[in-house]
C-alpha atoms as a PDB file:
ATOM      1  CA  UNK A   1     124.906 126.225  42.719  1.00  0.00           C
ATOM      2  CA  UNK A   2     121.397 127.639  42.525  1.00  0.00           C
ATOM      3  CA  UNK A   3     118.753 126.614  45.057  1.00  0.00           C
ATOM      4  CA  UNK A   4     115.951 127.249  42.574  1.00  0.00           C
ATOM      5  CA  UNK A   5     113.319 124.505  42.710  1.00  0.00           C
ATOM      6  CA  UNK A   6     114.792 122.997  45.873  1.00  0.00           C
ATOM      7  CA  UNK A   7     113.245 122.713  49.322  1.00  0.00           C
ATOM      8  CA  UNK A   8     115.062 125.003  51.735  1.00  0.00           C
ATOM      9  CA  UNK A   9     114.917 125.758  55.448  1.00  0.00           C
ATOM     10  CA  UNK A  10     115.891 129.166  56.771  1.00  0.00           C
ATOM     11  CA  UNK A  11     115.837 131.246  59.894  1.00  0.00           C
ATOM     12  CA  UNK A  12     115.052 134.915  59.371  1.00  0.00           C
ATOM     13  CA  UNK A  13     114.465 138.142  61.251  1.00  0.00           C
ATOM     14  CA  UNK A  14     112.442 140.872  59.535  1.00  0.00           C
ATOM     15  CA  UNK A  15     112.736 144.541  60.512  1.00  0.00           C
ATOM     16  CA  UNK A  16     111.605 147.916  59.215  1.00  0.00           C
ATOM     17  CA  UNK A  17     114.011 150.761  58.513  1.00  0.00           C
ATOM     18  CA  UNK A  18     113.368 152.220  61.981  1.00  0.00           C
ATOM     19  CA  UNK A  19     114.512 148.950  63.547  1.00  0.00           C
ATOM     20  CA  UNK A  20     111.043 147.657  64.431  1.00  0.00           C
ATOM     21  CA  UNK A  21     110.946 143.850  64.252  1.00  0.00           C
ATOM     22  CA  UNK A  22     107.807 142.672  62.476  1.00  0.00           C
ATOM     23  CA  UNK A  23     108.500 138.952  62.266  1.00  0.00           C
ATOM     24  CA  UNK A  24     111.083 136.356  63.248  1.00  0.00           C
ATOM     25  CA  UNK A  25     111.301 132.590  62.837  1.00  0.00           C
ATOM     26  CA  UNK A  26     113.930 132.595  65.591  1.00  0.00           C
ATOM     27  CA  UNK A  27     111.439 133.967  68.094  1.00  0.00           C
ATOM     28  CA  UNK A  28     109.201 130.975  67.320  1.00  0.00           C
ATOM     29  CA  UNK A  29     112.200 128.611  67.289  1.00  0.00           C
ATOM     30  CA  UNK A  30     110.753 127.223  64.070  1.00  0.00           C
ATOM     31  CA  UNK A  31     112.648 127.405  60.752  1.00  0.00           C
ATOM     32  CA  UNK A  32     110.719 128.428  57.664  1.00  0.00           C
ATOM     33  CA  UNK A  33     110.575 125.788  54.920  1.00  0.00           C
ATOM     34  CA  UNK A  34     109.596 126.499  51.318  1.00  0.00           C
ATOM     35  CA  UNK A  35     110.478 125.699  47.726  1.00  0.00           C
ATOM     36  CA  UNK A  36     112.879 128.330  46.441  1.00  0.00           C
ATOM     37  CA  UNK A  37     111.634 130.418  43.479  1.00  0.00           C
ATOM     38  CA  UNK A  38     108.282 128.591  43.393  1.00  0.00           C
ATOM     39  CA  UNK A  39     106.266 131.735  44.040  1.00  0.00           C
ATOM     40  CA  UNK A  40     105.617 130.871  47.677  1.00  0.00           C
ATOM     41  CA  UNK A  41     107.615 133.838  48.963  1.00  0.00           C
ATOM     42  CA  UNK A  42     107.827 137.518  48.196  1.00  0.00           C
ATOM     43  CA  UNK A  43     110.147 138.016  45.227  1.00  0.00           C
ATOM     44  CA  UNK A  44     113.077 139.629  47.017  1.00  0.00           C
ATOM     45  CA  UNK A  45     113.207 136.981  49.737  1.00  0.00           C
ATOM     46  CA  UNK A  46     113.193 134.195  47.141  1.00  0.00           C
ATOM     47  CA  UNK A  47     115.952 135.876  45.146  1.00  0.00           C
ATOM     48  CA  UNK A  48     118.115 136.322  48.232  1.00  0.00           C
ATOM     49  CA  UNK A  49     117.941 132.624  49.127  1.00  0.00           C
ATOM     50  CA  UNK A  50     118.442 131.356  45.561  1.00  0.00           C
ATOM     51  CA  UNK A  51     122.226 131.692  45.539  1.00  0.00           C
ATOM     52  CA  UNK A  52     122.958 131.167  49.231  1.00  0.00           C
ATOM     53  CA  UNK A  53     124.995 128.275  50.632  1.00  0.00           C
ATOM     54  CA  UNK A  54     124.076 126.227  53.692  1.00  0.00           C
ATOM     55  CA  UNK A  55     125.414 127.947  56.794  1.00  0.00           C
ATOM     56  CA  UNK A  56     125.553 131.351  55.114  1.00  0.00           C
ATOM     57  CA  UNK A  57     123.811 134.403  56.581  1.00  0.00           C
ATOM     58  CA  UNK A  58     122.891 137.422  54.461  1.00  0.00           C
ATOM     59  CA  UNK A  59     121.259 140.767  55.165  1.00  0.00           C
ATOM     60  CA  UNK A  60     119.010 142.188  52.465  1.00  0.00           C
ATOM     61  CA  UNK A  61     116.865 145.292  52.128  1.00  0.00           C
ATOM     62  CA  UNK A  62     113.832 144.906  49.898  1.00  0.00           C
ATOM     63  CA  UNK A  63     112.058 147.848  48.316  1.00  0.00           C
ATOM     64  CA  UNK A  64     108.239 147.622  48.160  1.00  0.00           C
ATOM     65  CA  UNK A  65     108.355 146.339  44.573  1.00  0.00           C
ATOM     66  CA  UNK A  66     110.335 143.309  45.801  1.00  0.00           C
ATOM     67  CA  UNK A  67     108.048 142.784  48.789  1.00  0.00           C
ATOM     68  CA  UNK A  68     104.354 143.679  49.046  1.00  0.00           C
ATOM     69  CA  UNK A  69     104.153 146.437  46.469  1.00  0.00           C
ATOM     70  CA  UNK A  70     103.046 150.028  46.856  1.00  0.00           C
ATOM     71  CA  UNK A  71      99.859 151.034  48.608  1.00  0.00           C
ATOM     72  CA  UNK A  72      96.848 151.296  46.302  1.00  0.00           C
ATOM     73  CA  UNK A  73      93.970 153.699  46.778  1.00  0.00           C
ATOM     74  CA  UNK A  74      91.601 151.296  45.022  1.00  0.00           C
ATOM     75  CA  UNK A  75      92.145 148.839  47.867  1.00  0.00           C
ATOM     76  CA  UNK A  76      90.271 151.155  50.254  1.00  0.00           C
ATOM     77  CA  UNK A  77      86.524 150.458  50.177  1.00  0.00           C
ATOM     78  CA  UNK A  78      83.505 151.827  52.030  1.00  0.00           C
ATOM     79  CA  UNK A  79      80.425 149.814  52.968  1.00  0.00           C
ATOM     80  CA  UNK A  80      77.149 150.842  54.647  1.00  0.00           C
ATOM     81  CA  UNK A  81      77.227 149.640  58.230  1.00  0.00           C
ATOM     82  CA  UNK A  82      73.614 148.512  57.804  1.00  0.00           C
ATOM     83  CA  UNK A  83      74.842 145.911  55.304  1.00  0.00           C
ATOM     84  CA  UNK A  84      77.259 144.364  57.795  1.00  0.00           C
ATOM     85  CA  UNK A  85      75.635 143.146  61.021  1.00  0.00           C
ATOM     86  CA  UNK A  86      77.995 143.712  63.920  1.00  0.00           C
ATOM     87  CA  UNK A  87      80.097 146.302  62.073  1.00  0.00           C
ATOM     88  CA  UNK A  88      78.838 148.991  64.431  1.00  0.00           C
ATOM     89  CA  UNK A  89      81.028 147.432  67.122  1.00  0.00           C
ATOM     90  CA  UNK A  90      84.238 147.728  65.089  1.00  0.00           C
ATOM     91  CA  UNK A  91      86.970 150.213  65.910  1.00  0.00           C
ATOM     92  CA  UNK A  92      89.413 152.062  63.670  1.00  0.00           C
ATOM     93  CA  UNK A  93      92.647 150.081  63.407  1.00  0.00           C
ATOM     94  CA  UNK A  94      90.997 146.722  64.083  1.00  0.00           C
ATOM     95  CA  UNK A  95      92.131 143.793  61.898  1.00  0.00           C
ATOM     96  CA  UNK A  96      89.252 141.861  60.367  1.00  0.00           C
ATOM     97  CA  UNK A  97      88.711 139.220  57.694  1.00  0.00           C
ATOM     98  CA  UNK A  98      86.132 139.992  55.026  1.00  0.00           C
ATOM     99  CA  UNK A  99      84.554 137.542  52.609  1.00  0.00           C
ATOM    100  CA  UNK A 100      85.559 138.016  48.982  1.00  0.00           C
ATOM    101  CA  UNK A 101      83.313 137.606  45.915  1.00  0.00           C
ATOM    102  CA  UNK A 102      84.069 133.871  45.764  1.00  0.00           C
ATOM    103  CA  UNK A 103      83.945 133.402  49.518  1.00  0.00           C
ATOM    104  CA  UNK A 104      87.708 133.698  49.953  1.00  0.00           C
ATOM    105  CA  UNK A 105      89.011 135.415  53.134  1.00  0.00           C
ATOM    106  CA  UNK A 106      90.271 138.967  52.639  1.00  0.00           C
ATOM    107  CA  UNK A 107      92.327 140.382  55.551  1.00  0.00           C
ATOM    108  CA  UNK A 108      91.578 144.062  56.085  1.00  0.00           C
ATOM    109  CA  UNK A 109      92.026 146.919  58.525  1.00  0.00           C
ATOM    110  CA  UNK A 110      89.197 149.178  59.656  1.00  0.00           C
ATOM    111  CA  UNK A 111      90.362 152.461  58.133  1.00  0.00           C
ATOM    112  CA  UNK A 112      87.556 154.808  59.176  1.00  0.00           C
ATOM    113  CA  UNK A 113      83.919 154.782  60.233  1.00  0.00           C
ATOM    114  CA  UNK A 114      81.039 157.084  61.073  1.00  0.00           C
ATOM    115  CA  UNK A 115      77.417 156.552  62.025  1.00  0.00           C
ATOM    116  CA  UNK A 116      76.471 155.079  58.654  1.00  0.00           C
ATOM    117  CA  UNK A 117      79.614 153.924  56.828  1.00  0.00           C
ATOM    118  CA  UNK A 118      82.634 151.747  57.587  1.00  0.00           C
ATOM    119  CA  UNK A 119      85.766 151.960  55.455  1.00  0.00           C
ATOM    120  CA  UNK A 120      88.239 149.090  55.083  1.00  0.00           C
ATOM    121  CA  UNK A 121      91.843 149.128  53.882  1.00  0.00           C
ATOM    122  CA  UNK A 122      92.580 145.922  51.972  1.00  0.00           C
ATOM    123  CA  UNK A 123      96.225 146.791  51.341  1.00  0.00           C
ATOM    124  CA  UNK A 124      98.708 144.414  52.897  1.00  0.00           C
ATOM    125  CA  UNK A 125     100.015 145.755  56.194  1.00  0.00           C
ATOM    126  CA  UNK A 126     103.517 145.904  54.736  1.00  0.00           C
ATOM    127  CA  UNK A 127     102.513 147.502  51.427  1.00  0.00           C
ATOM    128  CA  UNK A 128     104.586 150.565  50.620  1.00  0.00           C
ATOM    129  CA  UNK A 129     107.304 149.655  53.123  1.00  0.00           C
ATOM    130  CA  UNK A 130     110.913 148.632  52.616  1.00  0.00           C
ATOM    131  CA  UNK A 131     111.696 145.429  54.505  1.00  0.00           C
ATOM    132  CA  UNK A 132     115.004 144.265  55.941  1.00  0.00           C
ATOM    133  CA  UNK A 133     115.774 140.589  56.452  1.00  0.00           C
ATOM    134  CA  UNK A 134     118.597 138.722  58.117  1.00  0.00           C
ATOM    135  CA  UNK A 135     118.428 135.259  56.535  1.00  0.00           C
ATOM    136  CA  UNK A 136     120.389 132.136  57.518  1.00  0.00           C
ATOM    137  CA  UNK A 137     120.180 129.126  55.196  1.00  0.00           C
ATOM    138  CA  UNK A 138     119.961 125.979  57.313  1.00  0.00           C
ATOM    139  CA  UNK A 139     119.427 123.197  54.769  1.00  0.00           C
ATOM    140  CA  UNK A 140     118.715 122.459  51.122  1.00  0.00           C
ATOM    141  CA  UNK A 141     117.131 119.347  49.621  1.00  0.00           C
ATOM    142  CA  UNK A 142     115.488 118.336  46.386  1.00  0.00           C
ATOM    143  CA  UNK A 143     111.792 119.169  46.610  1.00  0.00           C
ATOM    144  CA  UNK A 144     109.338 116.288  46.302  1.00  0.00           C
ATOM    145  CA  UNK A 145     107.062 116.542  43.298  1.00  0.00           C
ATOM    146  CA  UNK A 146     103.583 117.706  44.121  1.00  0.00           C
ATOM    147  CA  UNK A 147     104.385 119.591  47.301  1.00  0.00           C
ATOM    148  CA  UNK A 148     103.084 123.120  47.238  1.00  0.00           C
ATOM    149  CA  UNK A 149     103.187 124.165  50.844  1.00  0.00           C
ATOM    150  CA  UNK A 150     105.675 125.054  53.531  1.00  0.00           C
ATOM    151  CA  UNK A 151     105.963 124.942  57.274  1.00  0.00           C
ATOM    152  CA  UNK A 152     105.954 128.705  57.708  1.00  0.00           C
ATOM    153  CA  UNK A 153     103.071 130.653  59.123  1.00  0.00           C
ATOM    154  CA  UNK A 154     100.918 132.920  57.069  1.00  0.00           C
ATOM    155  CA  UNK A 155      99.747 132.993  53.499  1.00  0.00           C
ATOM    156  CA  UNK A 156     101.605 133.905  50.362  1.00  0.00           C
ATOM    157  CA  UNK A 157      99.972 134.886  47.120  1.00  0.00           C
ATOM    158  CA  UNK A 158      99.300 131.600  45.400  1.00  0.00           C
ATOM    159  CA  UNK A 159     101.201 129.714  48.051  1.00  0.00           C
ATOM    160  CA  UNK A 160     102.669 129.837  51.507  1.00  0.00           C
ATOM    161  CA  UNK A 161     105.265 132.115  52.900  1.00  0.00           C
ATOM    162  CA  UNK A 162     107.166 133.490  55.813  1.00  0.00           C
ATOM    163  CA  UNK A 163     105.272 135.542  58.301  1.00  0.00           C
ATOM    164  CA  UNK A 164     102.990 134.892  61.179  1.00  0.00           C
ATOM    165  CA  UNK A 165      99.268 135.129  60.745  1.00  0.00           C
ATOM    166  CA  UNK A 166      98.908 137.986  58.299  1.00  0.00           C
ATOM    167  CA  UNK A 167     102.397 138.361  56.905  1.00  0.00           C
ATOM    168  CA  UNK A 168     102.938 136.960  53.452  1.00  0.00           C
ATOM    169  CA  UNK A 169      99.399 135.970  52.704  1.00  0.00           C
ATOM    170  CA  UNK A 170      96.491 136.160  50.465  1.00  0.00           C
ATOM    171  CA  UNK A 171      94.278 133.665  48.735  1.00  0.00           C
ATOM    172  CA  UNK A 172      95.415 130.282  47.521  1.00  0.00           C
ATOM    173  CA  UNK A 173      97.426 127.627  49.259  1.00  0.00           C
ATOM    174  CA  UNK A 174      98.260 128.193  52.876  1.00  0.00           C
ATOM    175  CA  UNK A 175      99.958 126.381  55.690  1.00  0.00           C
ATOM    176  CA  UNK A 176     100.621 126.178  59.383  1.00  0.00           C
ATOM    177  CA  UNK A 177      98.366 129.042  60.348  1.00  0.00           C
ATOM    178  CA  UNK A 178      94.815 130.005  61.057  1.00  0.00           C
ATOM    179  CA  UNK A 179      92.441 131.583  58.597  1.00  0.00           C
ATOM    180  CA  UNK A 180      93.083 129.362  55.569  1.00  0.00           C
ATOM    181  CA  UNK A 181      91.980 130.582  52.185  1.00  0.00           C
ATOM    182  CA  UNK A 182      90.486 128.437  49.480  1.00  0.00           C
ATOM    183  CA  UNK A 183      92.929 126.014  47.942  1.00  0.00           C
ATOM    184  CA  UNK A 184      95.473 123.627  49.331  1.00  0.00           C
ATOM    185  CA  UNK A 185      96.193 123.767  53.014  1.00  0.00           C
ATOM    186  CA  UNK A 186      98.503 121.967  55.396  1.00  0.00           C
ATOM    187  CA  UNK A 187      99.531 121.747  59.021  1.00  0.00           C
ATOM    188  CA  UNK A 188      96.854 124.157  60.188  1.00  0.00           C
ATOM    189  CA  UNK A 189      93.359 124.208  61.565  1.00  0.00           C
ATOM    190  CA  UNK A 190      90.511 123.239  59.293  1.00  0.00           C
ATOM    191  CA  UNK A 191      92.665 121.441  56.728  1.00  0.00           C
ATOM    192  CA  UNK A 192      91.082 119.664  53.807  1.00  0.00           C
ATOM    193  CA  UNK A 193      92.416 116.119  53.880  1.00  0.00           C
ATOM    194  CA  UNK A 194      92.293 115.966  50.093  1.00  0.00           C
ATOM    195  CA  UNK A 195      94.719 118.855  49.754  1.00  0.00           C
ATOM    196  CA  UNK A 196      97.121 118.489  52.632  1.00  0.00           C
ATOM    197  CA  UNK A 197     100.856 117.972  52.350  1.00  0.00           C
ATOM    198  CA  UNK A 198     104.187 118.317  54.114  1.00  0.00           C
ATOM    199  CA  UNK A 199     103.158 116.428  57.183  1.00  0.00           C
ATOM    200  CA  UNK A 200     106.036 115.555  59.483  1.00  0.00           C
END
């Protein structure tokens, strides 16, 4: 039976092909909860959980197209340091949050800088990488109408997703983490009471 449209809880461990662990709900001792196939997760993770049964564990390898996509050169931008007070103190490799055209937070990495210019990489940290997940399905229940958030950490495109802080993440609804974008938010700091859900 498909889990599509249902609220699910999973434990997962995410690793790169070289064995590096980049995220784990088990390390936080906190299952990830989301609505399956609702666009809250990266596509390959959603698809893996859709046909799982409670108690089942699967191992999947997701190519970039099923995860965070390929790296894009147009996501690398340069800005005069004079236009960004405090930018002179940044260092290459530093993670920062920029303000988008509509005021939305845009996670970025300092890619390069010289005396006059700072360059940011707006690509997701996992863009261009294949991701491996060990996923255990813990529970399945019918999702309550109107809920659009989950108890995972990090931000998914248009929703909420697995990952701590900056994994699974952009603008839109977010939950259980810092640095909320515009839109619905829950179980995190700075929540808008008018748009909060999934409280325990």
